């Protein structure tokens, strides 16, 4: 047994002094002045005690543009743990052989998992056979489908198929997630830009206009209303999307929204830098006004979660880095040095999320500590059918616990983030507040700078019906 004494517990709704008793993998008691014979006592005086972070949006070992995202299900999970996240959700690529084969391939990749994980299923092809197969996902413990309104001819399915998917999801206790952009506009603007000789990273953003995201968000919300089915908008990035989400929610539409740290802090101006490829992701960065509106949406409860869309690539994959004593180099963003359309889309963030949001969200007065826990742990656990096993400090919950030092100062960057890549978006930022100890189901896996975890210790989480928040 482990007894965490004299800490200040922070949940999505309360902040209070208490002790936590862990027996095996579970929290068994919470209260003042707890005692337990033979328990290992950890003094958390002056520290905060939080539920482990739940990141609902990650991409590990994802093939793209002739390369692969540089974090796999061990390296990315390890980085997540050092950042205080103990549960992640990845996206399964839909294979022609069917859902079972698709899931099996991702299960093989995840055998090296270092923290607990679950999957969403990309729905990028749709026909009558797939309609019959969708309920089988629930039996596998996968209760989410992701659709795209962009990437024509690759990932996008038509509106009629999205509408049918929403109705099927409702019938089976599932949730549809949507990537919202206007694929038709994008596919028109990209060849025009290339023909005019515009090949720099800035044009990645300029060919994916914010208005396309705004109208696609309302478009998907309208389909969800007509299907009387909930929908979850991933990686919201434009201020107008917050307006559309608010409009739809005020009219009873069961639509929820997620944003990511990159859309709170960075703009198209970062893409104009000499190293602008570092900030290439889809959807792209917008403007400072969009950043401000996203913060308002987070503060006011219009948005429900902050994930990361973690999908890292090397900035220069021709130069090896040393990771766990071995040199490694994976082709990365240099693939698009002469053509923005060939830059792998994605950023490192899974380990940055909690320290950055604590410093520049909680300490900056943009959100409260309780909102921080809700947005990064409790709400994702509730929406995706994991609560109260995850995202909660209550008896019976998994002992996924972070002892947080609110006063620890760090000059942040690639060395602290531990992602398997060669850069960090927050290089040189001052961070105040970091995890001190991280427990996964009662096992101490991060102790200061020491990694005590191992490949394969993470468990696949079968999910049930989630809540609509």
Protein backbone atom coordinates (compact mmCIF):
# COMPACT_ATOMS: atom_id res chain seq x y z
CA UNK A 1 0.00 0.00 0.00
CA UNK A 2 0.96 3.62 -0.56
CA UNK A 3 -0.25 6.51 1.57
CA UNK A 4 0.08 10.02 0.14
CA UNK A 5 -0.07 12.40 3.11
CA UNK A 6 -0.74 16.10 3.58
CA UNK A 7 -1.31 17.02 -0.05
CA UNK A 8 -3.82 19.46 -1.50
CA UNK A 9 -6.15 17.55 -3.80
CA UNK A 10 -7.36 19.37 -6.91
CA UNK A 11 -10.32 17.92 -8.79
CA UNK A 12 -12.58 19.33 -11.50
CA UNK A 13 -14.85 20.82 -8.84
CA UNK A 14 -12.99 21.06 -5.53
CA UNK A 15 -9.67 21.88 -3.87
CA UNK A 16 -9.14 20.43 -0.40
CA UNK A 17 -6.62 18.96 2.02
CA UNK A 18 -6.65 15.17 2.27
CA UNK A 19 -4.61 11.98 2.30
CA UNK A 20 -4.95 9.24 -0.32
CA UNK A 21 -4.53 5.54 0.39
CA UNK A 22 -3.65 3.32 -2.56
CA UNK A 23 -3.96 -0.45 -2.41
CA UNK A 24 -2.70 -2.24 -5.50
CA UNK A 25 -3.95 -0.37 -8.57
CA UNK A 26 -6.82 1.50 -6.92
CA UNK A 27 -7.53 4.44 -4.66
CA UNK A 28 -9.24 2.92 -1.63
CA UNK A 29 -9.61 5.80 0.83
CA UNK A 30 -9.48 9.59 0.84
CA UNK A 31 -9.62 11.58 4.08
CA UNK A 32 -7.76 13.51 6.71
CA UNK A 33 -5.14 11.92 8.98
CA UNK A 34 -5.34 8.48 7.38
CA UNK A 35 -3.18 5.72 8.80
CA UNK A 36 -2.31 2.33 7.34
CA UNK A 37 0.03 -0.23 8.82
CA UNK A 38 2.97 -1.12 6.57
CA UNK A 39 2.00 1.44 3.92
CA UNK A 40 4.75 3.37 2.16
CA UNK A 41 4.21 7.00 3.17
CA UNK A 42 4.84 9.80 0.69
CA UNK A 43 4.82 13.31 2.12
CA UNK A 44 3.06 15.71 -0.28
CA UNK A 45 3.23 18.75 1.99
CA UNK A 46 3.21 21.93 -0.07
CA UNK A 47 2.32 19.97 -3.19
CA UNK A 48 -0.85 19.50 -5.20
CA UNK A 49 -2.34 16.09 -5.94
CA UNK A 50 -4.07 15.77 -9.32
CA UNK A 51 -5.66 12.96 -11.31
CA UNK A 52 -3.41 11.83 -14.15
CA UNK A 53 -3.96 13.70 -17.39
CA UNK A 54 -6.15 12.19 -20.10
CA UNK A 55 -5.17 13.24 -23.63
CA UNK A 56 -8.04 12.42 -26.00
CA UNK A 57 -6.13 13.16 -29.22
CA UNK A 58 -2.75 11.66 -30.11
CA UNK A 59 -1.05 10.03 -33.10
CA UNK A 60 1.80 7.61 -32.41
CA UNK A 61 3.69 5.66 -35.07
CA UNK A 62 1.49 7.19 -37.78
CA UNK A 63 2.61 6.78 -41.42
CA UNK A 64 2.50 10.05 -43.38
CA UNK A 65 4.12 11.44 -46.54
CA UNK A 66 6.66 8.64 -46.87
CA UNK A 67 7.75 8.77 -43.25
CA UNK A 68 6.24 8.10 -39.82
CA UNK A 69 5.54 10.18 -36.73
CA UNK A 70 8.68 10.04 -34.63
CA UNK A 71 7.11 8.98 -31.32
CA UNK A 72 5.84 5.44 -31.02
CA UNK A 73 3.64 3.96 -28.31
CA UNK A 74 6.58 3.75 -25.93
CA UNK A 75 8.52 6.96 -26.53
CA UNK A 76 5.39 9.10 -26.78
CA UNK A 77 3.83 7.50 -23.73
CA UNK A 78 7.01 8.07 -21.75
CA UNK A 79 6.99 11.76 -22.71
CA UNK A 80 3.32 11.96 -21.75
CA UNK A 81 4.06 10.50 -18.32
CA UNK A 82 6.85 12.99 -17.61
CA UNK A 83 4.31 15.69 -18.43
CA UNK A 84 1.73 14.26 -16.03
CA UNK A 85 -0.49 12.43 -18.54
CA UNK A 86 -1.30 8.79 -17.78
CA UNK A 87 -3.96 7.98 -20.41
CA UNK A 88 -3.87 8.68 -24.14
CA UNK A 89 -6.23 7.98 -27.03
CA UNK A 90 -4.87 7.24 -30.49
CA UNK A 91 -6.54 6.92 -33.89
CA UNK A 92 -6.70 3.67 -35.82
CA UNK A 93 -6.26 3.89 -39.59
CA UNK A 94 -9.15 2.20 -41.41
CA UNK A 95 -7.79 -0.67 -43.50
CA UNK A 96 -9.58 -2.28 -46.48
CA UNK A 97 -9.62 -5.66 -44.69
CA UNK A 98 -12.11 -4.35 -42.12
CA UNK A 99 -12.22 -2.98 -38.60
CA UNK A 100 -10.91 -6.09 -36.87
CA UNK A 101 -7.74 -6.11 -38.96
CA UNK A 102 -7.36 -2.34 -38.52
CA UNK A 103 -7.57 -2.60 -34.74
CA UNK A 104 -5.25 -5.61 -34.63
CA UNK A 105 -2.56 -3.64 -36.46
CA UNK A 106 -2.78 -0.82 -33.90
CA UNK A 107 -2.79 -3.30 -31.02
CA UNK A 108 0.47 -4.69 -32.36
CA UNK A 109 1.98 -1.21 -32.46
CA UNK A 110 0.81 -0.57 -28.90
CA UNK A 111 2.32 -3.68 -27.33
CA UNK A 112 5.14 -1.43 -26.08
CA UNK A 113 2.68 0.98 -24.40
CA UNK A 114 4.07 2.71 -21.30
CA UNK A 115 0.79 4.23 -20.04
CA UNK A 116 -2.86 3.29 -20.43
CA UNK A 117 -4.45 3.89 -23.81
CA UNK A 118 -7.54 3.59 -25.94
CA UNK A 119 -8.40 3.99 -29.61
CA UNK A 120 -10.73 5.95 -31.85
CA UNK A 121 -11.57 4.55 -35.31
CA UNK A 122 -11.04 6.72 -38.37
CA UNK A 123 -14.01 6.36 -40.71
CA UNK A 124 -12.50 7.15 -44.10
CA UNK A 125 -14.46 4.73 -46.28
CA UNK A 126 -18.17 4.09 -46.00
CA UNK A 127 -20.48 1.51 -47.57
CA UNK A 128 -23.15 -0.99 -46.57
CA UNK A 129 -20.60 -3.53 -45.35
CA UNK A 130 -19.03 -0.96 -43.05
CA UNK A 131 -22.49 -0.06 -41.73
CA UNK A 132 -22.86 -3.69 -40.66
CA UNK A 133 -19.40 -3.74 -39.10
CA UNK A 134 -19.61 -0.58 -36.98
CA UNK A 135 -21.33 -2.26 -33.99
CA UNK A 136 -18.40 -4.70 -33.77
CA UNK A 137 -16.24 -1.80 -32.64
CA UNK A 138 -18.32 -1.47 -29.47
CA UNK A 139 -17.58 -5.11 -28.68
CA UNK A 140 -13.87 -4.28 -29.03
CA UNK A 141 -14.25 -1.41 -26.55
CA UNK A 142 -13.97 1.31 -29.18
CA UNK A 143 -16.94 3.67 -29.01
CA UNK A 144 -15.80 6.56 -31.19
CA UNK A 145 -15.69 7.20 -34.95
CA UNK A 146 -13.73 10.04 -36.54
CA UNK A 147 -14.87 11.65 -39.78
CA UNK A 148 -13.24 14.31 -41.94
CA UNK A 149 -14.70 17.13 -44.03
CA UNK A 150 -11.31 17.64 -45.68
CA UNK A 151 -8.66 15.52 -47.44
CA UNK A 152 -10.77 14.86 -50.51
CA UNK A 153 -10.19 11.48 -52.09
CA UNK A 154 -8.16 10.27 -49.10
CA UNK A 155 -9.90 10.62 -45.75
CA UNK A 156 -13.13 12.49 -46.47
CA UNK A 157 -16.51 10.79 -46.75
CA UNK A 158 -19.55 12.59 -48.12
CA UNK A 159 -22.19 14.37 -46.07
CA UNK A 160 -24.73 11.60 -46.51
CA UNK A 161 -22.28 9.09 -45.09
CA UNK A 162 -21.43 11.37 -42.16
CA UNK A 163 -25.14 11.78 -41.44
CA UNK A 164 -25.67 8.00 -41.54
CA UNK A 165 -22.65 7.51 -39.29
CA UNK A 166 -24.11 9.95 -36.76
CA UNK A 167 -27.38 8.00 -36.65
CA UNK A 168 -25.61 4.64 -36.40
CA UNK A 169 -23.46 6.04 -33.57
CA UNK A 170 -26.55 7.14 -31.69
CA UNK A 171 -28.13 3.68 -32.05
CA UNK A 172 -25.01 2.00 -30.67
CA UNK A 173 -24.05 4.37 -27.85
CA UNK A 174 -21.09 5.76 -29.81
CA UNK A 175 -19.74 9.23 -30.46
CA UNK A 176 -18.68 10.77 -33.77
CA UNK A 177 -15.63 13.05 -33.77
CA UNK A 178 -15.16 15.46 -36.66
CA UNK A 179 -12.19 17.19 -38.31
CA UNK A 180 -13.82 20.34 -39.66
CA UNK A 181 -12.42 22.17 -42.68
CA UNK A 182 -13.73 22.81 -46.20
CA UNK A 183 -11.97 20.21 -48.32
CA UNK A 184 -13.28 21.57 -51.61
CA UNK A 185 -11.87 25.04 -50.97
CA UNK A 186 -8.53 23.60 -49.85
CA UNK A 187 -8.22 21.42 -52.95
CA UNK A 188 -8.86 24.50 -55.10
CA UNK A 189 -6.41 26.80 -53.34
CA UNK A 190 -3.42 24.43 -53.07
CA UNK A 191 -2.76 23.95 -56.82
CA UNK A 192 -3.33 27.66 -57.39
CA UNK A 193 -0.68 28.50 -54.78
CA UNK A 194 1.84 26.04 -56.20
CA UNK A 195 1.25 27.27 -59.75
CA UNK A 196 2.01 30.80 -58.55
CA UNK A 197 5.29 29.63 -56.98
CA UNK A 198 4.13 29.87 -53.38
CA UNK A 199 5.89 26.95 -51.71
CA UNK A 200 6.84 28.22 -48.22
CA UNK A 201 5.24 26.98 -44.97
CA UNK A 202 3.07 30.09 -44.68
CA UNK A 203 1.04 28.86 -47.63
CA UNK A 204 0.01 25.77 -45.73
CA UNK A 205 -2.14 28.10 -43.62
CA UNK A 206 -3.16 30.40 -46.44
CA UNK A 207 -4.60 27.48 -48.43
CA UNK A 208 -6.63 26.26 -45.42
CA UNK A 209 -8.67 29.40 -44.56
CA UNK A 210 -10.21 29.85 -41.13
CA UNK A 211 -13.63 30.45 -42.67
CA UNK A 212 -13.56 26.87 -43.95
CA UNK A 213 -13.15 25.60 -40.40
CA UNK A 214 -15.87 27.93 -39.12
CA UNK A 215 -18.50 26.92 -41.66
CA UNK A 216 -17.55 23.24 -41.43
CA UNK A 217 -18.03 23.31 -37.66
CA UNK A 218 -21.55 24.67 -38.03
CA UNK A 219 -22.18 22.28 -40.95
CA UNK A 220 -21.30 19.24 -38.83
CA UNK A 221 -23.22 20.59 -35.84
CA UNK A 222 -26.28 21.00 -38.09
CA UNK A 223 -26.00 17.39 -39.28
CA UNK A 224 -25.70 16.24 -35.66
CA UNK A 225 -28.85 18.19 -34.79
CA UNK A 226 -30.74 16.57 -37.65
CA UNK A 227 -29.49 13.13 -36.62
CA UNK A 228 -30.26 13.92 -32.94
CA UNK A 229 -26.81 12.57 -32.20
CA UNK A 230 -23.90 14.02 -30.23
CA UNK A 231 -20.76 15.12 -32.04
CA UNK A 232 -17.30 16.18 -30.85
CA UNK A 233 -15.30 18.72 -32.88
CA UNK A 234 -11.58 18.00 -32.69
CA UNK A 235 -8.70 20.52 -32.62
CA UNK A 236 -10.77 23.71 -32.88
CA UNK A 237 -8.46 26.49 -34.00
CA UNK A 238 -10.43 29.53 -35.23
CA UNK A 239 -12.27 32.02 -33.06
CA UNK A 240 -15.33 31.75 -35.27
CA UNK A 241 -15.56 28.06 -34.42
CA UNK A 242 -16.07 29.02 -30.78
CA UNK A 243 -18.91 31.28 -31.91
CA UNK A 244 -20.49 28.45 -33.91
CA UNK A 245 -20.11 26.02 -31.02
CA UNK A 246 -21.75 28.49 -28.65
CA UNK A 247 -24.58 29.14 -31.13
CA UNK A 248 -25.29 25.44 -31.59
CA UNK A 249 -25.06 24.53 -27.90
CA UNK A 250 -27.41 27.36 -26.93
CA UNK A 251 -29.95 25.80 -29.29
CA UNK A 252 -29.74 22.37 -27.74
CA UNK A 253 -27.37 20.71 -30.20
CA UNK A 254 -25.30 18.03 -28.48
CA UNK A 255 -21.97 19.30 -29.80
CA UNK A 256 -18.72 19.43 -27.84
CA UNK A 257 -15.39 21.04 -28.65
CA UNK A 258 -11.70 20.37 -28.15
CA UNK A 259 -8.78 22.70 -28.70
CA UNK A 260 -5.02 22.18 -28.39
CA UNK A 261 -2.15 24.23 -26.92
CA UNK A 262 -0.84 25.25 -30.34
CA UNK A 263 -4.08 27.09 -31.09
CA UNK A 264 -3.83 29.03 -27.84
CA UNK A 265 -0.28 30.32 -28.30
CA UNK A 266 0.88 30.39 -31.93
CA UNK A 267 -0.14 32.14 -35.15
CA UNK A 268 0.51 32.14 -38.89
CA UNK A 269 3.47 34.43 -38.15
CA UNK A 270 5.32 31.41 -36.75
CA UNK A 271 5.00 29.75 -40.15
CA UNK A 272 6.73 32.78 -41.69
CA UNK A 273 9.90 32.17 -39.67
CA UNK A 274 12.93 30.45 -41.25
CA UNK A 275 12.01 27.37 -39.19
CA UNK A 276 8.30 27.76 -39.95
CA UNK A 277 7.90 24.09 -40.86
CA UNK A 278 8.09 23.29 -37.13
CA UNK A 279 4.61 24.78 -36.73
CA UNK A 280 2.98 22.93 -39.64
CA UNK A 281 -0.12 21.05 -38.53
CA UNK A 282 -3.66 20.67 -39.84
CA UNK A 283 -5.68 22.71 -39.22
CA UNK A 284 -3.05 25.47 -39.16
CA UNK A 285 -2.28 28.30 -36.77
CA UNK A 286 -4.48 31.38 -37.15
CA UNK A 287 -4.14 34.87 -35.60
CA UNK A 288 -3.75 36.45 -32.17
CA UNK A 289 -7.46 37.29 -32.21
CA UNK A 290 -8.21 33.61 -32.77
CA UNK A 291 -5.90 32.69 -29.87
CA UNK A 292 -7.77 35.12 -27.64
CA UNK A 293 -11.18 33.78 -28.63
CA UNK A 294 -10.05 30.20 -28.02
CA UNK A 295 -8.97 31.20 -24.50
CA UNK A 296 -12.38 32.79 -23.95
CA UNK A 297 -14.04 29.58 -25.12
CA UNK A 298 -11.94 27.56 -22.70
CA UNK A 299 -12.53 29.95 -19.78
CA UNK A 300 -16.28 30.26 -20.39
CA UNK A 301 -16.86 26.51 -20.69
CA UNK A 302 -17.86 26.64 -24.35
CA UNK A 303 -15.07 24.14 -25.11
CA UNK A 304 -14.90 20.98 -23.04
CA UNK A 305 -11.38 19.61 -23.51
CA UNK A 306 -7.79 20.48 -24.35
CA UNK A 307 -6.02 17.65 -26.15
CA UNK A 308 -2.79 17.89 -28.13
CA UNK A 309 -3.14 16.24 -31.55
CA UNK A 310 0.40 15.05 -30.75
CA UNK A 311 1.98 13.90 -34.02
CA UNK A 312 5.69 14.78 -33.97
CA UNK A 313 8.22 14.71 -36.78
CA UNK A 314 11.88 15.62 -36.88
CA UNK A 315 12.54 19.15 -38.09
CA UNK A 316 15.69 17.85 -39.77
CA UNK A 317 15.52 14.10 -40.13
CA UNK A 318 18.92 13.97 -41.79
CA UNK A 319 20.65 14.63 -38.46
CA UNK A 320 20.43 11.89 -35.81
CA UNK A 321 19.59 12.62 -32.19
CA UNK A 322 20.52 10.45 -29.22
CA UNK A 323 17.50 8.87 -27.56
CA UNK A 324 18.00 6.47 -24.64
CA UNK A 325 21.62 6.01 -25.64
CA UNK A 326 20.96 5.26 -29.31
CA UNK A 327 21.26 7.46 -32.36
CA UNK A 328 18.03 7.81 -34.28
CA UNK A 329 16.99 9.79 -37.34
CA UNK A 330 13.61 9.59 -39.08
CA UNK A 331 12.78 11.58 -42.24
CA UNK A 332 10.82 14.64 -41.19
CA UNK A 333 9.83 18.13 -42.16
CA UNK A 334 12.83 18.58 -44.46
CA UNK A 335 10.83 16.50 -46.94
CA UNK A 336 8.88 19.68 -47.76
CA UNK A 337 11.71 22.21 -47.91
CA UNK A 338 10.71 23.12 -51.48
CA UNK A 339 6.98 22.38 -51.29
CA UNK A 340 4.73 23.01 -48.28
CA UNK A 341 2.38 20.22 -49.38
CA UNK A 342 5.12 17.67 -48.63
CA UNK A 343 5.82 18.82 -45.07
CA UNK A 344 4.54 16.12 -42.67
CA UNK A 345 1.64 17.62 -40.72
CA UNK A 346 2.00 17.44 -36.98
CA UNK A 347 3.63 18.73 -33.80
CA UNK A 348 5.11 17.40 -30.54
CA UNK A 349 2.93 18.35 -27.56
CA UNK A 350 1.80 15.39 -25.41
CA UNK A 351 4.42 16.06 -22.72
CA UNK A 352 4.05 19.84 -22.87
CA UNK A 353 0.31 20.13 -22.34
CA UNK A 354 0.05 20.20 -18.54
CA UNK A 355 3.16 22.23 -17.62
CA UNK A 356 2.45 24.85 -20.30
CA UNK A 357 -1.26 25.14 -19.48
CA UNK A 358 -0.55 25.35 -15.77
CA UNK A 359 1.93 28.20 -16.19
CA UNK A 360 0.22 30.16 -18.96
CA UNK A 361 -3.34 29.18 -18.09
CA UNK A 362 -3.72 28.73 -14.32
CA UNK A 363 -0.88 30.95 -13.08
CA UNK A 364 -1.74 33.59 -15.69
CA UNK A 365 -5.32 33.70 -14.41
CA UNK A 366 -6.92 32.51 -17.65
CA UNK A 367 -8.39 29.38 -16.05
CA UNK A 368 -8.69 28.04 -12.52
CA UNK A 369 -6.88 24.99 -11.21
CA UNK A 370 -10.20 23.14 -11.19
CA UNK A 371 -10.85 24.05 -14.83
CA UNK A 372 -7.35 22.83 -15.64
CA UNK A 373 -8.19 19.40 -14.20
CA UNK A 374 -11.57 19.34 -15.93
CA UNK A 375 -10.20 20.27 -19.35
CA UNK A 376 -7.18 17.98 -19.31
CA UNK A 377 -8.42 14.96 -17.36
CA UNK A 378 -11.96 14.72 -16.01
CA UNK A 379 -13.93 15.95 -19.03
CA UNK A 380 -12.10 13.72 -21.54
CA UNK A 381 -12.61 10.76 -19.22
CA UNK A 382 -16.34 11.51 -18.98
CA UNK A 383 -16.91 12.18 -22.68
CA UNK A 384 -15.05 9.06 -23.78
CA UNK A 385 -16.52 6.58 -21.31
CA UNK A 386 -13.64 6.21 -18.87
CA UNK A 387 -14.98 8.08 -15.83
CA UNK A 388 -14.66 7.52 -12.88
CA UNK A 389 -11.99 4.90 -13.53
CA UNK A 390 -9.89 7.68 -15.04
CA UNK A 391 -9.92 11.42 -14.48
CA UNK A 392 -11.03 11.21 -10.85
CA UNK A 393 -9.65 11.19 -7.32
CA UNK A 394 -12.28 9.00 -5.69
CA UNK A 395 -12.27 5.61 -3.98
CA UNK A 396 -12.46 2.87 -6.62
CA UNK A 397 -10.72 4.91 -9.32
CA UNK A 398 -7.44 3.79 -10.83
CA UNK A 399 -4.57 5.26 -8.84
CA UNK A 400 -3.39 7.45 -11.71
CA UNK A 401 -2.05 10.29 -9.60
CA UNK A 402 0.27 13.23 -10.17
CA UNK A 403 2.01 14.93 -7.28
CA UNK A 404 2.47 18.42 -8.67
CA UNK A 405 5.06 20.93 -7.50
CA UNK A 406 3.41 24.31 -8.19
CA UNK A 407 6.62 26.21 -7.49
CA UNK A 408 9.15 24.27 -9.55
CA UNK A 409 10.76 26.55 -12.14
CA UNK A 410 12.10 25.18 -15.40
CA UNK A 411 13.45 26.77 -18.55
CA UNK A 412 11.42 24.53 -20.80
CA UNK A 413 12.36 22.93 -24.09
CA UNK A 414 13.27 19.77 -25.94
CA UNK A 415 15.33 18.37 -23.07
CA UNK A 416 12.41 18.49 -20.63
CA UNK A 417 9.70 17.36 -23.02
CA UNK A 418 11.41 14.04 -23.82
CA UNK A 419 9.58 13.62 -27.11
CA UNK A 420 11.59 11.62 -29.63
CA UNK A 421 12.22 14.55 -31.93
CA UNK A 422 14.72 17.35 -32.39
CA UNK A 423 12.70 20.43 -31.38
CA UNK A 424 10.08 21.77 -29.02
CA UNK A 425 7.55 24.52 -29.75
CA UNK A 426 8.04 26.02 -26.28
CA UNK A 427 11.84 26.14 -26.32
CA UNK A 428 13.13 28.65 -23.76
CA UNK A 429 9.75 29.36 -22.17
CA UNK A 430 9.78 29.72 -18.39
CA UNK A 431 7.53 27.16 -16.75
CA UNK A 432 6.49 27.32 -13.10
CA UNK A 433 4.78 24.12 -11.99
CA UNK A 434 5.79 20.58 -12.95
CA UNK A 435 5.01 16.98 -12.01
CA UNK A 436 7.18 15.66 -9.20
CA UNK A 437 5.87 12.10 -9.05
CA UNK A 438 3.54 10.28 -11.42
CA UNK A 439 1.69 7.05 -10.58
CA UNK A 440 0.06 4.74 -13.10
CA UNK A 441 -2.47 2.43 -11.44
CA UNK A 442 -0.56 2.71 -8.17
CA UNK A 443 2.90 2.21 -9.64
CA UNK A 444 5.39 5.07 -9.43
CA UNK A 445 6.61 5.55 -13.01
CA UNK A 446 8.10 9.07 -12.84
CA UNK A 447 10.08 10.21 -9.81
CA UNK A 448 11.59 13.62 -10.45
CA UNK A 449 13.93 13.13 -13.40
CA UNK A 450 13.93 9.32 -13.05
CA UNK A 451 11.95 7.04 -15.35
CA UNK A 452 10.74 3.95 -13.50
CA UNK A 453 8.31 2.74 -16.15
CA UNK A 454 8.77 0.14 -18.86
CA UNK A 455 7.49 -0.79 -22.31
CA UNK A 456 4.36 -2.91 -22.15
CA UNK A 457 3.09 -1.72 -18.77
CA UNK A 458 0.23 0.27 -20.35
CA UNK A 459 -3.18 -1.37 -20.62
CA UNK A 460 -5.74 -1.08 -23.39
CA UNK A 461 -8.91 0.51 -22.02
CA UNK A 462 -12.23 -0.77 -23.28
CA UNK A 463 -14.63 2.14 -23.16
CA UNK A 464 -18.35 2.34 -22.55
CA UNK A 465 -20.90 5.01 -23.33
CA UNK A 466 -19.61 8.48 -22.57
CA UNK A 467 -21.37 11.58 -21.28
CA UNK A 468 -22.48 14.58 -23.30
CA UNK A 469 -21.10 17.64 -21.52
